[in-house]
Amino acid sequence: MAYLSAAYECTITKERVAVYWHQLGNLPDSAFSEAVVAHVNANRSFPRVCELRELAQAVIRRTGPKVLEPPRVSTEAVLRGHARILGVNEEEYISEMLKRD
């Protein structure tokens, strides 16, 4: 909020800070900061809560967590695990199982 106060040369009341914190406090700090900078770069007036939220949500959509790919496990590693569980020779078990495919 100090950044906004400096950028728009205005005094921000504690009540206004409380409203903005209540409405935007759940946003990640980095998304909020980027939203503030983006707003200051593009607008001449102090932002409304909804404007900062929309900008922050756009940041989150653009930079948010990506879908993680499941770990890749080789067939051989899985078969080794099966052989250990079954208590059989790993190499023989793997060889036999791979012949079936």
C-alpha atoms as a PDB file:
ATOM      1  CA  MET A   1       0.000   0.000   0.000  1.00  0.00           C
ATOM      2  CA  ALA A   2       2.957   2.310   0.584  1.00  0.00           C
ATOM      3  CA  TYR A   3       3.915   1.812  -3.070  1.00  0.00           C
ATOM      4  CA  LEU A   4       0.440   2.917  -4.145  1.00  0.00           C
ATOM      5  CA  SER A   5       0.534   5.878  -1.773  1.00  0.00           C
ATOM      6  CA  ALA A   6       3.836   7.029  -3.240  1.00  0.00           C
ATOM      7  CA  ALA A   7       2.829   6.391  -6.846  1.00  0.00           C
ATOM      8  CA  TYR A   8      -0.436   8.299  -6.574  1.00  0.00           C
ATOM      9  CA  GLU A   9       0.812  10.919  -4.094  1.00  0.00           C
ATOM     10  CA  CYS A  10      -1.982  10.320  -1.607  1.00  0.00           C
ATOM     11  CA  THR A  11      -2.432   9.464   2.030  1.00  0.00           C
ATOM     12  CA  ILE A  12      -4.059   6.110   2.695  1.00  0.00           C
ATOM     13  CA  THR A  13      -6.197   5.851   5.806  1.00  0.00           C
ATOM     14  CA  LYS A  14      -5.951   2.908   8.155  1.00  0.00           C
ATOM     15  CA  GLU A  15      -9.594   2.108   7.306  1.00  0.00           C
ATOM     16  CA  ARG A  16      -8.758   1.888   3.618  1.00  0.00           C
ATOM     17  CA  VAL A  17      -5.773  -0.345   4.367  1.00  0.00           C
ATOM     18  CA  ALA A  18      -8.056  -2.575   6.451  1.00  0.00           C
ATOM     19  CA  VAL A  19     -10.572  -2.921   3.606  1.00  0.00           C
ATOM     20  CA  TYR A  20      -7.882  -3.720   1.032  1.00  0.00           C
ATOM     21  CA  TRP A  21      -6.228  -6.211   3.405  1.00  0.00           C
ATOM     22  CA  HIS A  22      -9.567  -7.884   4.156  1.00  0.00           C
ATOM     23  CA  GLN A  23     -10.415  -8.172   0.470  1.00  0.00           C
ATOM     24  CA  LEU A  24      -6.980  -8.982  -0.961  1.00  0.00           C
ATOM     25  CA  GLY A  25      -5.088 -10.553   1.934  1.00  0.00           C
ATOM     26  CA  ASN A  26      -5.590 -14.062   0.588  1.00  0.00           C
ATOM     27  CA  LEU A  27      -3.639 -13.343  -2.608  1.00  0.00           C
ATOM     28  CA  PRO A  28      -0.021 -14.490  -2.886  1.00  0.00           C
ATOM     29  CA  ASP A  29       2.320 -11.585  -2.120  1.00  0.00           C
ATOM     30  CA  SER A  30       4.103 -11.875  -5.451  1.00  0.00           C
ATOM     31  CA  ALA A  31       0.844 -11.773  -7.430  1.00  0.00           C
ATOM     32  CA  PHE A  32      -0.394  -8.777  -5.434  1.00  0.00           C
ATOM     33  CA  SER A  33       2.892  -6.914  -5.908  1.00  0.00           C
ATOM     34  CA  GLU A  34       2.912  -7.572  -9.633  1.00  0.00           C
ATOM     35  CA  ALA A  35      -0.718  -6.438  -9.874  1.00  0.00           C
ATOM     36  CA  VAL A  36       0.101  -3.183  -8.080  1.00  0.00           C
ATOM     37  CA  VAL A  37       3.029  -2.451 -10.391  1.00  0.00           C
ATOM     38  CA  ALA A  38       0.953  -3.292 -13.476  1.00  0.00           C
ATOM     39  CA  HIS A  39      -1.825  -0.974 -12.337  1.00  0.00           C
ATOM     40  CA  VAL A  40       0.562   1.896 -11.614  1.00  0.00           C
ATOM     41  CA  ASN A  41       2.129   1.468 -15.055  1.00  0.00           C
ATOM     42  CA  ALA A  42      -1.219   1.640 -16.849  1.00  0.00           C
ATOM     43  CA  ASN A  43      -3.551   3.856 -14.804  1.00  0.00           C
ATOM     44  CA  ARG A  44      -3.653   7.406 -13.514  1.00  0.00           C
ATOM     45  CA  SER A  45      -5.962   6.826 -10.574  1.00  0.00           C
ATOM     46  CA  PHE A  46      -5.762   4.808  -7.372  1.00  0.00           C
ATOM     47  CA  PRO A  47      -6.954   1.226  -7.972  1.00  0.00           C
ATOM     48  CA  ARG A  48     -10.195  -0.185  -6.688  1.00  0.00           C
ATOM     49  CA  VAL A  49     -10.098  -3.504  -4.854  1.00  0.00           C
ATOM     50  CA  CYS A  50     -11.695  -5.291  -7.815  1.00  0.00           C
ATOM     51  CA  GLU A  51      -9.074  -3.933 -10.220  1.00  0.00           C
ATOM     52  CA  LEU A  52      -6.198  -5.240  -8.135  1.00  0.00           C
ATOM     53  CA  ARG A  53      -7.938  -8.597  -7.661  1.00  0.00           C
ATOM     54  CA  GLU A  54      -8.475  -8.985 -11.421  1.00  0.00           C
ATOM     55  CA  LEU A  55      -4.848  -8.120 -12.158  1.00  0.00           C
ATOM     56  CA  ALA A  56      -3.572 -10.463  -9.448  1.00  0.00           C
ATOM     57  CA  GLN A  57      -5.769 -13.298 -10.710  1.00  0.00           C
ATOM     58  CA  ALA A  58      -4.364 -12.769 -14.200  1.00  0.00           C
ATOM     59  CA  VAL A  59      -0.853 -13.056 -12.744  1.00  0.00           C
ATOM     60  CA  ILE A  60      -1.810 -16.252 -10.923  1.00  0.00           C
ATOM     61  CA  ARG A  61      -3.293 -17.767 -14.085  1.00  0.00           C
ATOM     62  CA  ARG A  62      -0.178 -16.861 -16.053  1.00  0.00           C
ATOM     63  CA  THR A  63       2.438 -17.880 -13.506  1.00  0.00           C
ATOM     64  CA  GLY A  64       0.562 -20.216 -11.183  1.00  0.00           C
ATOM     65  CA  PRO A  65       1.417 -23.801 -10.495  1.00  0.00           C
ATOM     66  CA  LYS A  66       1.648 -25.951 -13.565  1.00  0.00           C
ATOM     67  CA  VAL A  67       0.136 -29.391 -13.724  1.00  0.00           C
ATOM     68  CA  LEU A  68       2.766 -31.808 -12.584  1.00  0.00           C
ATOM     69  CA  GLU A  69       3.438 -34.875 -14.647  1.00  0.00           C
ATOM     70  CA  PRO A  70       3.347 -38.124 -12.722  1.00  0.00           C
ATOM     71  CA  PRO A  71       6.754 -39.620 -12.079  1.00  0.00           C
ATOM     72  CA  ARG A  72       7.912 -41.993 -14.754  1.00  0.00           C
ATOM     73  CA  VAL A  73       8.935 -45.413 -13.540  1.00  0.00           C
ATOM     74  CA  SER A  74      10.545 -47.908 -15.848  1.00  0.00           C
ATOM     75  CA  THR A  75       8.928 -51.274 -16.380  1.00  0.00           C
ATOM     76  CA  GLU A  76      12.123 -52.889 -15.167  1.00  0.00           C
ATOM     77  CA  ALA A  77      12.007 -50.976 -11.875  1.00  0.00           C
ATOM     78  CA  VAL A  78       8.412 -52.048 -11.296  1.00  0.00           C
ATOM     79  CA  LEU A  79       9.259 -55.670 -12.083  1.00  0.00           C
ATOM     80  CA  ARG A  80      12.254 -55.547  -9.708  1.00  0.00           C
ATOM     81  CA  GLY A  81       9.909 -54.401  -6.974  1.00  0.00           C
ATOM     82  CA  HIS A  82       7.494 -57.230  -7.760  1.00  0.00           C
ATOM     83  CA  ALA A  83      10.335 -59.777  -7.679  1.00  0.00           C
ATOM     84  CA  ARG A  84      11.487 -58.541  -4.278  1.00  0.00           C
ATOM     85  CA  ILE A  85       7.973 -58.733  -2.891  1.00  0.00           C
ATOM     86  CA  LEU A  86       7.562 -62.245  -4.272  1.00  0.00           C
ATOM     87  CA  GLY A  87      11.012 -63.266  -3.026  1.00  0.00           C
ATOM     88  CA  VAL A  88      12.174 -64.547  -6.414  1.00  0.00           C
ATOM     89  CA  ASN A  89      15.323 -63.938  -8.453  1.00  0.00           C
ATOM     90  CA  GLU A  90      15.001 -60.455  -9.948  1.00  0.00           C
ATOM     91  CA  GLU A  91      16.788 -61.111 -13.234  1.00  0.00           C
ATOM     92  CA  GLU A  92      14.869 -64.306 -13.973  1.00  0.00           C
ATOM     93  CA  TYR A  93      11.557 -62.702 -13.037  1.00  0.00           C
ATOM     94  CA  ILE A  94      12.200 -59.653 -15.226  1.00  0.00           C
ATOM     95  CA  SER A  95      13.307 -61.809 -18.134  1.00  0.00           C
ATOM     96  CA  GLU A  96      10.230 -64.018 -17.844  1.00  0.00           C
ATOM     97  CA  MET A  97       7.811 -61.109 -17.519  1.00  0.00           C
ATOM     98  CA  LEU A  98       9.298 -59.214 -20.463  1.00  0.00           C
ATOM     99  CA  LYS A  99       8.963 -62.304 -22.676  1.00  0.00           C
ATOM    100  CA  ARG A 100       5.202 -62.194 -22.094  1.00  0.00           C
ATOM    101  CA  ASP A 101       4.885 -58.755 -23.678  1.00  0.00           C
END
